[in-house]
Protein backbone atom coordinates (compact mmCIF):
# COMPACT_ATOMS: atom_id res chain seq x y z
CA MET A 1 -30.20 -18.53 -19.33
CA ASN A 2 -33.92 -19.38 -20.40
CA SER A 3 -35.82 -17.37 -22.65
CA PRO A 4 -38.17 -16.02 -20.13
CA GLU A 5 -35.18 -15.05 -17.82
CA LEU A 6 -33.68 -13.03 -20.69
CA LEU A 7 -36.76 -11.39 -21.53
CA SER A 8 -37.30 -10.40 -17.70
CA VAL A 9 -33.67 -9.15 -17.58
CA CYS A 10 -34.18 -6.96 -20.69
CA ILE A 11 -37.42 -5.51 -19.55
CA ALA A 12 -35.80 -4.70 -16.25
CA ALA A 13 -32.97 -3.06 -17.86
CA PHE A 14 -35.14 -1.07 -20.21
CA VAL A 15 -37.25 0.13 -17.17
CA GLY A 16 -34.18 1.03 -15.44
CA VAL A 17 -32.50 3.14 -18.14
CA PHE A 18 -35.67 4.83 -18.61
CA LEU A 19 -36.10 5.63 -14.98
CA LEU A 20 -32.71 6.88 -14.81
CA LEU A 21 -33.09 9.15 -17.76
CA GLY A 22 -36.24 10.65 -16.49
CA ILE A 23 -34.67 11.43 -13.12
CA LEU A 24 -31.78 13.15 -14.75
CA ALA A 25 -34.07 15.07 -16.93
CA ALA A 26 -36.02 16.29 -13.93
CA LEU A 27 -32.49 17.07 -12.19
CA MET A 28 -31.39 19.00 -15.09
CA ARG A 29 -34.78 20.95 -15.14
CA LEU A 30 -34.46 21.76 -11.44
CA ILE A 31 -30.97 23.21 -11.96
CA LEU A 32 -31.96 25.31 -14.92
CA THR A 33 -34.69 26.61 -12.86
CA ILE A 34 -32.49 27.33 -9.82
CA PHE A 35 -29.61 28.97 -12.13
CA PRO A 36 -31.16 30.47 -15.23
CA GLU A 37 -28.97 31.19 -18.13
CA LYS A 38 -27.64 34.56 -18.37
CA ALA A 39 -28.90 36.65 -21.54
CA LYS A 40 -25.39 36.98 -22.79
CA LEU A 41 -25.64 36.89 -26.65
CA PHE A 42 -22.09 36.42 -27.49
CA ASP A 43 -18.67 36.24 -25.94
CA HIS A 44 -15.32 37.18 -27.23
CA ALA A 45 -14.45 33.38 -28.36
CA ILE A 46 -17.58 33.39 -30.61
CA LEU A 47 -17.04 36.64 -32.13
CA ALA A 48 -13.24 35.71 -33.02
CA ALA A 49 -14.33 32.29 -34.42
CA ILE A 50 -17.01 34.19 -36.42
CA SER A 51 -14.43 36.67 -37.70
CA THR A 52 -11.75 34.23 -38.44
CA VAL A 53 -14.16 31.88 -40.59
CA ALA A 54 -15.39 35.19 -42.56
CA ALA A 55 -11.81 36.12 -43.26
CA ALA A 56 -10.94 32.61 -44.31
CA ASN A 57 -13.80 32.33 -46.79
CA TYR A 58 -14.09 35.91 -47.87
CA PRO A 59 -10.50 37.33 -47.70
CA GLY A 60 -10.43 41.31 -47.45
CA ALA A 61 -14.02 41.43 -45.95
CA LYS A 62 -14.54 42.75 -42.32
CA VAL A 63 -17.07 41.78 -39.86
CA THR A 64 -19.00 44.76 -38.72
CA LYS A 65 -22.32 43.59 -37.06
CA ILE A 66 -23.32 40.18 -35.68
CA GLU A 67 -27.01 39.56 -34.77
CA GLU A 68 -29.11 36.72 -33.71
CA ILE A 69 -31.89 35.61 -35.88
CA LYS A 70 -34.94 34.51 -33.73
């Protein structure tokens, strides 16, 4: 493969990947617009994980309140 052919293949691959990622980003934006994320702050799995880690790091401590910092 000559050097100009290799360069054109590399440029074509770069442009192809760039276009594919752009299309995927636009598709993700469209999906998030159609189906917005629910405003649920925490679910039971996250609360259990936080309580378990707190109990492992601070024995005898009890988690009483969990807040999101904005």
